[in-house]
Amino acid sequence: MKKLLLILLLTGSLQSIAETSNNTRASGCIDVITYGLNPETDEWRVFPTPCDVPERWVKSYTRPSSCLDVIVYGQNPNTEKWESFETSCDVPAKWEMKSCPNFVIYGQNPKTKNWYKFSTPCDVAKGWNSSNEVPETFQEKCTEKATYFSEQGVLYIPFLDNIYYTQITKYKDVEFKRIKNYNNLLLELTKLTKIAEVE
């Protein structure tokens, strides 16, 4: 009797597993993040299931080693907003991808806690907090807005705090200009007005 019961239980379990397997095949793929390599562009993209990877693409269930840990941006086709990703491989397949798209972003200086406005996310300094939305304190302190004009290569800061140990020096109408024939990150100070020093 015990043997018969055990056989019935095993048969039932096997039938349940078979039904689950058939349902998975009928309804589509399981939700497993899958990376696909485009054979035409040699770019890896991420897909929600293995079935979403096009036929001739190479599939990988782990993030490929060729995915560099460099922040890239992808534009959500539904919201048209740009979102940041840790690697180019993590940008969804149907999203537009750029290393430095042109959209307004806000950066917060970690020392002064002041927010500044930039025309691309690449212009926000490393280590600063960033936000696609206008920070609440940004509207309250309009004089602390900064703007980078990419075409002219000019960074204009209406108000600037420079912290050196315990001493804070305040400036206004600060202007930097990109030096020609060098990379875009090299700027020279072209205008500066000192306001006060505070201990």
N, C-alpha and C. Protein backbone atom coordinates (compact mmCIF):
# COMPACT_ATOMS: atom_id res chain seq x y z
N MET A 1 0.83 -1.20 0.00
CA MET A 1 0.00 0.00 0.00
C MET A 1 0.87 1.27 0.00
N LYS A 2 1.95 1.23 0.85
CA LYS A 2 2.85 2.39 0.91
C LYS A 2 3.55 2.62 -0.41
N LYS A 3 3.95 1.51 -1.08
CA LYS A 3 4.64 1.62 -2.37
C LYS A 3 3.72 2.23 -3.42
N LEU A 4 2.43 1.80 -3.39
CA LEU A 4 1.45 2.32 -4.35
C LEU A 4 1.24 3.81 -4.15
N LEU A 5 1.15 4.24 -2.89
CA LEU A 5 0.96 5.66 -2.56
C LEU A 5 2.16 6.47 -3.02
N LEU A 6 3.37 5.94 -2.81
CA LEU A 6 4.60 6.62 -3.22
C LEU A 6 4.66 6.77 -4.74
N ILE A 7 4.26 5.73 -5.46
CA ILE A 7 4.25 5.77 -6.93
C ILE A 7 3.26 6.82 -7.42
N LEU A 8 2.08 6.88 -6.79
CA LEU A 8 1.06 7.87 -7.17
C LEU A 8 1.56 9.30 -6.94
N LEU A 9 2.22 9.52 -5.80
CA LEU A 9 2.77 10.85 -5.50
C LEU A 9 3.83 11.25 -6.51
N LEU A 10 4.74 10.33 -6.84
CA LEU A 10 5.79 10.61 -7.82
C LEU A 10 5.21 10.90 -9.19
N THR A 11 4.20 10.13 -9.58
CA THR A 11 3.54 10.33 -10.88
C THR A 11 2.88 11.70 -10.94
N GLY A 12 2.21 12.06 -9.83
CA GLY A 12 1.55 13.38 -9.77
C GLY A 12 2.56 14.52 -9.86
N SER A 13 3.71 14.38 -9.18
CA SER A 13 4.75 15.42 -9.21
C SER A 13 5.32 15.58 -10.60
N LEU A 14 5.60 14.44 -11.26
CA LEU A 14 6.14 14.48 -12.62
C LEU A 14 5.16 15.12 -13.60
N GLN A 15 3.86 14.80 -13.41
CA GLN A 15 2.84 15.39 -14.29
C GLN A 15 2.77 16.90 -14.07
N SER A 16 2.87 17.34 -12.80
CA SER A 16 2.83 18.78 -12.48
C SER A 16 4.01 19.51 -13.10
N ILE A 17 5.20 18.90 -13.03
CA ILE A 17 6.41 19.50 -13.62
C ILE A 17 6.25 19.61 -15.14
N ALA A 18 5.70 18.56 -15.76
CA ALA A 18 5.51 18.55 -17.22
C ALA A 18 4.52 19.63 -17.63
N GLU A 19 3.42 19.78 -16.84
CA GLU A 19 2.43 20.81 -17.16
C GLU A 19 3.01 22.20 -17.03
N THR A 20 3.82 22.42 -15.98
CA THR A 20 4.47 23.74 -15.79
C THR A 20 5.39 24.05 -16.96
N SER A 21 6.16 23.04 -17.39
CA SER A 21 7.07 23.20 -18.51
C SER A 21 6.31 23.52 -19.79
N ASN A 22 5.19 22.82 -20.02
CA ASN A 22 4.38 23.07 -21.22
C ASN A 22 3.75 24.45 -21.19
N ASN A 23 3.29 24.89 -20.00
CA ASN A 23 2.70 26.22 -19.86
C ASN A 23 3.73 27.31 -20.14
N THR A 24 4.96 27.09 -19.66
CA THR A 24 6.02 28.07 -19.89
C THR A 24 6.31 28.20 -21.37
N ARG A 25 6.35 27.04 -22.09
CA ARG A 25 6.61 27.09 -23.53
C ARG A 25 5.45 27.74 -24.26
N ALA A 26 4.20 27.46 -23.82
CA ALA A 26 3.03 28.00 -24.50
C ALA A 26 2.90 29.50 -24.29
N SER A 27 3.17 29.96 -23.05
CA SER A 27 2.98 31.38 -22.74
C SER A 27 4.18 32.23 -23.13
N GLY A 28 5.32 31.62 -23.41
CA GLY A 28 6.52 32.37 -23.77
C GLY A 28 7.65 32.01 -22.85
N CYS A 29 8.62 32.93 -22.75
CA CYS A 29 9.82 32.66 -21.95
C CYS A 29 9.64 33.08 -20.51
N ILE A 30 10.47 32.51 -19.66
CA ILE A 30 10.50 32.95 -18.27
C ILE A 30 11.19 34.30 -18.19
N ASP A 31 10.89 35.05 -17.16
CA ASP A 31 11.48 36.38 -16.99
C ASP A 31 12.90 36.26 -16.46
N VAL A 32 13.85 36.18 -17.36
CA VAL A 32 15.27 36.12 -17.01
C VAL A 32 16.00 37.17 -17.83
N ILE A 33 16.69 38.08 -17.16
CA ILE A 33 17.46 39.10 -17.88
C ILE A 33 18.47 38.41 -18.78
N THR A 34 18.44 38.74 -20.07
CA THR A 34 19.31 38.11 -21.05
C THR A 34 20.01 39.18 -21.88
N TYR A 35 21.29 39.01 -22.08
CA TYR A 35 22.07 39.95 -22.90
C TYR A 35 22.17 39.40 -24.31
N GLY A 36 22.03 40.28 -25.30
CA GLY A 36 22.13 39.87 -26.69
C GLY A 36 23.18 40.70 -27.42
N LEU A 37 24.02 40.04 -28.22
CA LEU A 37 25.06 40.72 -28.99
C LEU A 37 24.59 40.88 -30.43
N ASN A 38 24.48 42.15 -30.85
CA ASN A 38 24.08 42.47 -32.22
C ASN A 38 25.24 42.15 -33.15
N PRO A 39 25.07 41.20 -34.09
CA PRO A 39 26.19 40.81 -34.96
C PRO A 39 26.61 41.90 -35.94
N GLU A 40 25.72 42.87 -36.19
CA GLU A 40 26.04 43.95 -37.14
C GLU A 40 26.82 45.09 -36.49
N THR A 41 26.48 45.41 -35.22
CA THR A 41 27.14 46.55 -34.56
C THR A 41 28.12 46.14 -33.47
N ASP A 42 28.13 44.84 -33.11
CA ASP A 42 28.97 44.34 -32.00
C ASP A 42 28.63 45.01 -30.67
N GLU A 43 27.37 45.43 -30.51
CA GLU A 43 26.91 46.03 -29.26
C GLU A 43 26.06 45.03 -28.49
N TRP A 44 26.28 44.98 -27.18
CA TRP A 44 25.44 44.16 -26.30
C TRP A 44 24.28 45.00 -25.84
N ARG A 45 23.09 44.39 -25.79
CA ARG A 45 21.91 45.05 -25.25
C ARG A 45 21.21 44.08 -24.31
N VAL A 46 20.40 44.62 -23.41
CA VAL A 46 19.72 43.79 -22.41
C VAL A 46 18.26 43.59 -22.80
N PHE A 47 17.75 42.37 -22.56
CA PHE A 47 16.37 42.00 -22.88
C PHE A 47 15.71 41.39 -21.64
N PRO A 48 14.37 41.53 -21.51
CA PRO A 48 13.68 40.99 -20.32
C PRO A 48 13.58 39.46 -20.31
N THR A 49 13.58 38.82 -21.49
CA THR A 49 13.52 37.36 -21.56
C THR A 49 14.41 36.88 -22.70
N PRO A 50 14.81 35.59 -22.70
CA PRO A 50 15.61 35.05 -23.81
C PRO A 50 14.88 35.09 -25.14
N CYS A 51 13.53 35.00 -25.11
CA CYS A 51 12.75 35.01 -26.35
C CYS A 51 12.79 36.36 -27.06
N ASP A 52 13.09 37.43 -26.32
CA ASP A 52 13.11 38.76 -26.92
C ASP A 52 14.40 39.04 -27.70
N VAL A 53 15.40 38.21 -27.49
CA VAL A 53 16.66 38.39 -28.22
C VAL A 53 16.47 37.94 -29.67
N PRO A 54 16.79 38.79 -30.66
CA PRO A 54 16.61 38.39 -32.07
C PRO A 54 17.37 37.11 -32.40
N GLU A 55 16.89 36.39 -33.40
CA GLU A 55 17.40 35.05 -33.73
C GLU A 55 18.90 34.96 -33.94
N ARG A 56 19.48 35.85 -34.74
CA ARG A 56 20.90 35.72 -35.09
C ARG A 56 21.83 36.32 -34.03
N TRP A 57 21.27 36.90 -32.98
CA TRP A 57 22.10 37.51 -31.94
C TRP A 57 22.64 36.44 -31.00
N VAL A 58 23.82 36.70 -30.44
CA VAL A 58 24.41 35.81 -29.44
C VAL A 58 23.77 36.10 -28.09
N LYS A 59 23.38 35.06 -27.35
CA LYS A 59 22.72 35.23 -26.05
C LYS A 59 23.71 34.97 -24.91
N SER A 60 23.50 35.70 -23.82
CA SER A 60 24.29 35.47 -22.61
C SER A 60 23.41 35.78 -21.41
N TYR A 61 23.43 34.88 -20.41
CA TYR A 61 22.62 35.08 -19.20
C TYR A 61 23.39 35.85 -18.12
N THR A 62 24.67 36.06 -18.34
CA THR A 62 25.48 36.88 -17.44
C THR A 62 25.99 38.08 -18.20
N ARG A 63 26.26 39.16 -17.47
CA ARG A 63 26.72 40.38 -18.14
C ARG A 63 28.08 40.13 -18.78
N PRO A 64 28.23 40.38 -20.06
CA PRO A 64 29.50 40.12 -20.75
C PRO A 64 30.63 40.97 -20.18
N SER A 65 31.85 40.41 -20.20
CA SER A 65 33.01 41.13 -19.66
C SER A 65 33.36 42.34 -20.50
N SER A 66 32.90 42.38 -21.74
CA SER A 66 33.20 43.53 -22.61
C SER A 66 32.36 44.76 -22.25
N CYS A 67 31.40 44.60 -21.33
CA CYS A 67 30.60 45.75 -20.90
C CYS A 67 31.43 46.58 -19.92
N LEU A 68 31.85 47.74 -20.36
CA LEU A 68 32.68 48.60 -19.50
C LEU A 68 31.82 49.30 -18.47
N ASP A 69 32.36 49.50 -17.28
CA ASP A 69 31.64 50.21 -16.22
C ASP A 69 31.75 51.72 -16.45
N VAL A 70 31.06 52.18 -17.48
CA VAL A 70 31.04 53.60 -17.83
C VAL A 70 29.59 54.03 -17.88
N ILE A 71 29.26 55.10 -17.18
CA ILE A 71 27.87 55.56 -17.15
C ILE A 71 27.43 55.99 -18.54
N VAL A 72 26.32 55.43 -19.01
CA VAL A 72 25.72 55.83 -20.28
C VAL A 72 24.25 56.17 -20.03
N TYR A 73 23.64 56.79 -21.01
CA TYR A 73 22.25 57.22 -20.86
C TYR A 73 21.38 56.62 -21.94
N GLY A 74 20.18 56.22 -21.55
CA GLY A 74 19.20 55.67 -22.48
C GLY A 74 17.91 56.45 -22.37
N GLN A 75 17.28 56.70 -23.54
CA GLN A 75 16.04 57.45 -23.55
C GLN A 75 14.85 56.50 -23.59
N ASN A 76 14.02 56.59 -22.56
CA ASN A 76 12.82 55.77 -22.48
C ASN A 76 11.86 56.18 -23.60
N PRO A 77 11.50 55.27 -24.53
CA PRO A 77 10.64 55.66 -25.64
C PRO A 77 9.22 56.03 -25.22
N ASN A 78 8.79 55.59 -24.03
CA ASN A 78 7.44 55.91 -23.55
C ASN A 78 7.37 57.28 -22.89
N THR A 79 8.37 57.61 -22.06
CA THR A 79 8.35 58.88 -21.32
C THR A 79 9.23 59.95 -21.97
N GLU A 80 10.13 59.52 -22.89
CA GLU A 80 11.11 60.39 -23.56
C GLU A 80 12.12 60.99 -22.58
N LYS A 81 12.19 60.43 -21.37
CA LYS A 81 13.18 60.89 -20.39
C LYS A 81 14.44 60.05 -20.50
N TRP A 82 15.58 60.70 -20.22
CA TRP A 82 16.86 60.01 -20.24
C TRP A 82 17.14 59.45 -18.86
N GLU A 83 17.60 58.20 -18.81
CA GLU A 83 17.94 57.55 -17.55
C GLU A 83 19.38 57.04 -17.63
N SER A 84 20.06 57.02 -16.48
CA SER A 84 21.45 56.59 -16.46
C SER A 84 21.56 55.09 -16.20
N PHE A 85 22.59 54.48 -16.78
CA PHE A 85 22.86 53.05 -16.62
C PHE A 85 24.35 52.86 -16.34
N GLU A 86 24.67 51.80 -15.60
CA GLU A 86 26.06 51.56 -15.21
C GLU A 86 26.93 51.16 -16.39
N THR A 87 26.36 50.49 -17.38
CA THR A 87 27.11 50.10 -18.58
C THR A 87 26.21 50.22 -19.79
N SER A 88 26.82 50.26 -20.99
CA SER A 88 26.04 50.32 -22.22
C SER A 88 25.21 49.05 -22.42
N CYS A 89 25.68 47.94 -21.85
CA CYS A 89 24.96 46.66 -21.99
C CYS A 89 23.63 46.66 -21.23
N ASP A 90 23.47 47.55 -20.27
CA ASP A 90 22.26 47.56 -19.45
C ASP A 90 21.14 48.41 -20.04
N VAL A 91 21.41 49.13 -21.14
CA VAL A 91 20.38 49.95 -21.78
C VAL A 91 19.43 49.04 -22.54
N PRO A 92 18.11 49.11 -22.27
CA PRO A 92 17.16 48.25 -22.98
C PRO A 92 17.30 48.37 -24.50
N ALA A 93 17.03 47.28 -25.20
CA ALA A 93 17.32 47.16 -26.64
C ALA A 93 16.65 48.23 -27.50
N LYS A 94 15.44 48.62 -27.16
CA LYS A 94 14.71 49.56 -28.03
C LYS A 94 14.90 51.02 -27.61
N TRP A 95 15.75 51.27 -26.64
CA TRP A 95 16.00 52.64 -26.19
C TRP A 95 17.15 53.25 -26.98
N GLU A 96 17.07 54.56 -27.22
CA GLU A 96 18.20 55.27 -27.84
C GLU A 96 19.28 55.42 -26.78
N MET A 97 20.54 55.24 -27.17
CA MET A 97 21.64 55.28 -26.21
C MET A 97 22.66 56.33 -26.62
N LYS A 98 23.13 57.12 -25.64
CA LYS A 98 24.19 58.11 -25.88
C LYS A 98 25.08 58.16 -24.64
N SER A 99 26.34 58.48 -24.88
CA SER A 99 27.24 58.63 -23.73
C SER A 99 27.02 59.97 -23.05
N CYS A 100 26.60 60.97 -23.82
CA CYS A 100 26.39 62.30 -23.24
C CYS A 100 25.30 63.05 -24.00
N PRO A 101 24.03 62.75 -23.75
CA PRO A 101 22.94 63.45 -24.46
C PRO A 101 22.77 64.88 -23.96
N ASN A 102 22.16 65.71 -24.78
CA ASN A 102 21.89 67.10 -24.40
C ASN A 102 20.53 67.21 -23.72
N PHE A 103 20.55 67.30 -22.40
CA PHE A 103 19.34 67.61 -21.65
C PHE A 103 19.76 68.27 -20.35
N VAL A 104 18.89 69.12 -19.82
CA VAL A 104 19.21 69.86 -18.60
C VAL A 104 19.23 68.92 -17.41
N ILE A 105 20.28 69.02 -16.62
CA ILE A 105 20.41 68.21 -15.41
C ILE A 105 20.94 69.10 -14.29
N TYR A 106 20.60 68.78 -13.07
CA TYR A 106 21.01 69.59 -11.92
C TYR A 106 22.05 68.83 -11.11
N GLY A 107 23.12 69.52 -10.74
CA GLY A 107 24.19 68.91 -9.96
C GLY A 107 24.36 69.63 -8.63
N GLN A 108 24.59 68.85 -7.56
CA GLN A 108 24.74 69.43 -6.23
C GLN A 108 26.17 69.27 -5.74
N ASN A 109 26.79 70.41 -5.39
CA ASN A 109 28.12 70.39 -4.81
C ASN A 109 28.06 69.70 -3.46
N PRO A 110 28.84 68.61 -3.24
CA PRO A 110 28.74 67.87 -1.98
C PRO A 110 29.19 68.66 -0.75
N LYS A 111 30.02 69.70 -0.94
CA LYS A 111 30.49 70.49 0.20
C LYS A 111 29.54 71.63 0.54
N THR A 112 29.15 72.42 -0.47
CA THR A 112 28.31 73.59 -0.20
C THR A 112 26.82 73.25 -0.19
N LYS A 113 26.46 72.10 -0.78
CA LYS A 113 25.06 71.66 -0.93
C LYS A 113 24.27 72.56 -1.88
N ASN A 114 24.96 73.42 -2.64
CA ASN A 114 24.30 74.26 -3.63
C ASN A 114 24.04 73.46 -4.90
N TRP A 115 22.91 73.73 -5.56
CA TRP A 115 22.56 73.08 -6.82
C TRP A 115 22.90 73.98 -7.99
N TYR A 116 23.38 73.40 -9.09
CA TYR A 116 23.71 74.13 -10.29
C TYR A 116 23.09 73.43 -11.50
N LYS A 117 22.83 74.21 -12.54
CA LYS A 117 22.19 73.67 -13.74
C LYS A 117 23.24 73.44 -14.83
N PHE A 118 23.18 72.29 -15.50
CA PHE A 118 24.10 71.95 -16.58
C PHE A 118 23.33 71.50 -17.81
N SER A 119 23.92 71.69 -18.98
CA SER A 119 23.21 71.35 -20.22
C SER A 119 23.38 69.89 -20.62
N THR A 120 24.35 69.18 -20.03
CA THR A 120 24.50 67.74 -20.27
C THR A 120 24.93 67.07 -18.97
N PRO A 121 24.63 65.78 -18.78
CA PRO A 121 25.06 65.09 -17.56
C PRO A 121 26.58 64.93 -17.47
N CYS A 122 27.26 65.00 -18.61
CA CYS A 122 28.72 64.87 -18.61
C CYS A 122 29.41 66.06 -17.97
N ASP A 123 28.70 67.18 -17.87
CA ASP A 123 29.30 68.39 -17.29
C ASP A 123 29.22 68.42 -15.77
N VAL A 124 28.44 67.52 -15.18
CA VAL A 124 28.33 67.46 -13.72
C VAL A 124 29.59 66.78 -13.17
N ALA A 125 30.21 67.42 -12.19
CA ALA A 125 31.48 66.92 -11.65
C ALA A 125 31.30 65.56 -10.99
N LYS A 126 32.34 64.74 -11.06
CA LYS A 126 32.31 63.42 -10.44
C LYS A 126 32.19 63.58 -8.92
N GLY A 127 31.33 62.78 -8.31
CA GLY A 127 31.12 62.87 -6.86
C GLY A 127 29.97 63.77 -6.47
N TRP A 128 29.44 64.54 -7.43
CA TRP A 128 28.27 65.39 -7.15
C TRP A 128 27.00 64.57 -7.27
N ASN A 129 25.97 64.94 -6.48
CA ASN A 129 24.64 64.36 -6.66
C ASN A 129 24.04 64.98 -7.91
N SER A 130 23.19 64.24 -8.61
CA SER A 130 22.53 64.80 -9.78
C SER A 130 21.06 64.47 -9.76
N SER A 131 20.28 65.30 -10.45
CA SER A 131 18.83 65.10 -10.50
C SER A 131 18.30 65.60 -11.83
N ASN A 132 17.40 64.81 -12.43
CA ASN A 132 16.74 65.25 -13.67
C ASN A 132 15.62 66.23 -13.36
N GLU A 133 15.11 66.16 -12.15
CA GLU A 133 14.03 67.06 -11.72
C GLU A 133 14.64 68.28 -11.04
N VAL A 134 13.90 69.39 -11.07
CA VAL A 134 14.38 70.63 -10.42
C VAL A 134 14.34 70.42 -8.91
N PRO A 135 15.50 70.50 -8.23
CA PRO A 135 15.51 70.33 -6.76
C PRO A 135 14.72 71.46 -6.08
N GLU A 136 14.11 71.14 -4.95
CA GLU A 136 13.30 72.13 -4.23
C GLU A 136 14.13 73.35 -3.84
N THR A 137 15.33 73.14 -3.35
CA THR A 137 16.16 74.27 -2.88
C THR A 137 16.72 75.09 -4.03
N PHE A 138 16.69 74.55 -5.25
CA PHE A 138 17.22 75.29 -6.40
C PHE A 138 16.38 76.53 -6.68
N GLN A 139 15.07 76.42 -6.58
CA GLN A 139 14.18 77.55 -6.83
C GLN A 139 14.32 78.63 -5.76
N GLU A 140 14.64 78.21 -4.53
CA GLU A 140 14.75 79.16 -3.43
C GLU A 140 16.00 80.03 -3.54
N LYS A 141 17.05 79.50 -4.20
CA LYS A 141 18.31 80.21 -4.28
C LYS A 141 18.66 80.47 -5.74
N CYS A 142 17.88 81.37 -6.35
CA CYS A 142 18.04 81.62 -7.79
C CYS A 142 19.42 82.14 -8.15
N THR A 143 20.07 82.86 -7.24
CA THR A 143 21.37 83.45 -7.55
C THR A 143 22.46 82.39 -7.63
N GLU A 144 22.18 81.16 -7.20
CA GLU A 144 23.21 80.13 -7.20
C GLU A 144 23.17 79.26 -8.45
N LYS A 145 22.33 79.62 -9.42
CA LYS A 145 22.24 78.85 -10.66
C LYS A 145 23.51 79.02 -11.47
N ALA A 146 23.93 77.94 -12.10
CA ALA A 146 25.07 77.99 -13.01
C ALA A 146 24.62 77.41 -14.34
N THR A 147 25.16 77.93 -15.44
CA THR A 147 24.79 77.46 -16.77
C THR A 147 26.03 77.23 -17.60
N TYR A 148 26.05 76.08 -18.28
CA TYR A 148 27.15 75.79 -19.19
C TYR A 148 26.64 75.90 -20.62
N PHE A 149 27.22 76.78 -21.41
CA PHE A 149 26.83 76.96 -22.79
C PHE A 149 27.80 76.17 -23.67
N SER A 150 27.35 75.01 -24.12
CA SER A 150 28.22 74.07 -24.84
C SER A 150 28.79 74.67 -26.12
N GLU A 151 27.95 75.36 -26.90
CA GLU A 151 28.40 75.89 -28.19
C GLU A 151 29.49 76.94 -28.03
N GLN A 152 29.34 77.82 -27.05
CA GLN A 152 30.36 78.87 -26.83
C GLN A 152 31.49 78.37 -25.94
N GLY A 153 31.27 77.24 -25.27
CA GLY A 153 32.28 76.72 -24.36
C GLY A 153 32.44 77.58 -23.12
N VAL A 154 31.34 78.16 -22.64
CA VAL A 154 31.39 79.08 -21.49
C VAL A 154 30.58 78.51 -20.32
N LEU A 155 31.20 78.49 -19.15
CA LEU A 155 30.52 78.12 -17.92
C LEU A 155 30.34 79.39 -17.10
N TYR A 156 29.07 79.76 -16.85
CA TYR A 156 28.77 80.99 -16.11
C TYR A 156 28.14 80.63 -14.78
N ILE A 157 28.73 81.14 -13.68
CA ILE A 157 28.22 80.88 -12.33
C ILE A 157 27.93 82.23 -11.68
N PRO A 158 26.65 82.57 -11.47
CA PRO A 158 26.32 83.87 -10.86
C PRO A 158 26.85 84.02 -9.44
N PHE A 159 26.90 82.91 -8.69
CA PHE A 159 27.34 82.99 -7.30
C PHE A 159 28.11 81.73 -6.98
N LEU A 160 29.27 81.86 -6.31
CA LEU A 160 30.12 80.71 -6.07
C LEU A 160 30.73 80.78 -4.67
N ASP A 161 30.68 79.65 -3.95
CA ASP A 161 31.35 79.53 -2.66
C ASP A 161 32.61 78.70 -2.85
N ASN A 162 33.73 79.18 -2.38
CA ASN A 162 34.97 78.41 -2.41
C ASN A 162 35.35 78.09 -0.97
N ILE A 163 35.37 76.79 -0.62
CA ILE A 163 35.67 76.40 0.75
C ILE A 163 37.11 75.91 0.84
N TYR A 164 37.87 76.53 1.73
CA TYR A 164 39.25 76.11 1.98
C TYR A 164 39.41 75.96 3.49
N TYR A 165 39.43 74.72 3.96
CA TYR A 165 39.39 74.41 5.39
C TYR A 165 38.17 75.06 6.02
N THR A 166 38.33 76.01 6.93
CA THR A 166 37.17 76.63 7.59
C THR A 166 36.81 77.97 6.96
N GLN A 167 37.60 78.43 6.01
CA GLN A 167 37.35 79.74 5.41
C GLN A 167 36.52 79.59 4.13
N ILE A 168 35.48 80.41 4.04
CA ILE A 168 34.63 80.41 2.85
C ILE A 168 34.79 81.76 2.14
N THR A 169 35.15 81.71 0.88
CA THR A 169 35.25 82.92 0.07
C THR A 169 34.10 82.92 -0.93
N LYS A 170 33.38 84.04 -0.99
CA LYS A 170 32.23 84.14 -1.88
C LYS A 170 32.58 85.01 -3.09
N TYR A 171 32.12 84.55 -4.26
CA TYR A 171 32.36 85.27 -5.51
C TYR A 171 31.04 85.43 -6.26
N LYS A 172 31.02 86.40 -7.18
CA LYS A 172 29.86 86.55 -8.07
C LYS A 172 30.35 86.74 -9.51
N ASP A 173 29.47 86.52 -10.45
CA ASP A 173 29.76 86.67 -11.89
C ASP A 173 31.04 85.93 -12.28
N VAL A 174 31.09 84.66 -11.94
CA VAL A 174 32.26 83.83 -12.26
C VAL A 174 32.06 83.24 -13.66
N GLU A 175 33.09 83.36 -14.49
CA GLU A 175 32.98 82.85 -15.86
C GLU A 175 34.23 82.07 -16.24
N PHE A 176 34.02 80.89 -16.80
CA PHE A 176 35.11 80.06 -17.32
C PHE A 176 34.88 79.86 -18.81
N LYS A 177 35.96 79.80 -19.56
CA LYS A 177 35.85 79.55 -21.00
C LYS A 177 36.72 78.37 -21.39
N ARG A 178 36.16 77.52 -22.27
CA ARG A 178 36.89 76.35 -22.73
C ARG A 178 38.10 76.78 -23.56
N ILE A 179 39.26 76.16 -23.30
CA ILE A 179 40.47 76.48 -24.05
C ILE A 179 40.45 75.69 -25.36
N LYS A 180 40.60 76.40 -26.47
CA LYS A 180 40.57 75.76 -27.79
C LYS A 180 41.78 74.86 -27.96
N ASN A 181 41.62 73.88 -28.85
CA ASN A 181 42.67 72.91 -29.17
C ASN A 181 43.01 71.97 -28.01
N TYR A 182 42.19 71.99 -26.96
CA TYR A 182 42.35 71.05 -25.85
C TYR A 182 41.03 70.31 -25.68
N ASN A 183 41.02 69.32 -24.78
CA ASN A 183 39.77 68.60 -24.58
C ASN A 183 38.73 69.50 -23.92
N ASN A 184 37.48 69.07 -23.99
CA ASN A 184 36.36 69.91 -23.53
C ASN A 184 36.37 70.19 -22.03
N LEU A 185 37.16 69.44 -21.26
CA LEU A 185 37.15 69.60 -19.80
C LEU A 185 38.12 70.68 -19.31
N LEU A 186 38.98 71.20 -20.19
CA LEU A 186 39.98 72.17 -19.78
C LEU A 186 39.42 73.58 -19.95
N LEU A 187 39.23 74.29 -18.84
CA LEU A 187 38.65 75.63 -18.86
C LEU A 187 39.61 76.62 -18.22
N GLU A 188 39.53 77.88 -18.65
CA GLU A 188 40.32 78.92 -18.01
C GLU A 188 39.38 79.96 -17.41
N LEU A 189 39.76 80.52 -16.28
CA LEU A 189 38.96 81.53 -15.61
C LEU A 189 39.09 82.84 -16.36
N THR A 190 37.95 83.41 -16.80
CA THR A 190 37.99 84.65 -17.57
C THR A 190 37.37 85.82 -16.82
N LYS A 191 36.60 85.53 -15.76
CA LYS A 191 35.95 86.61 -15.02
C LYS A 191 35.68 86.17 -13.59
N LEU A 192 35.92 87.06 -12.62
CA LEU A 192 35.71 86.71 -11.21
C LEU A 192 35.58 87.98 -10.38
N THR A 193 34.54 88.05 -9.56
CA THR A 193 34.36 89.20 -8.66
C THR A 193 34.22 88.69 -7.24
N LYS A 194 35.17 89.08 -6.37
CA LYS A 194 35.15 88.63 -4.98
C LYS A 194 34.14 89.46 -4.19
N ILE A 195 33.35 88.77 -3.36
CA ILE A 195 32.35 89.46 -2.55
C ILE A 195 32.82 89.59 -1.11
N ALA A 196 33.13 88.45 -0.46
CA ALA A 196 33.51 88.50 0.95
C ALA A 196 34.20 87.21 1.36
N GLU A 197 34.87 87.28 2.51
CA GLU A 197 35.46 86.08 3.14
C GLU A 197 34.77 85.86 4.47
N VAL A 198 34.40 84.62 4.74
CA VAL A 198 33.70 84.30 6.00
C VAL A 198 34.46 83.17 6.67
N GLU A 199 34.79 83.35 7.95
CA GLU A 199 35.50 82.30 8.71
C GLU A 199 34.51 81.24 9.18
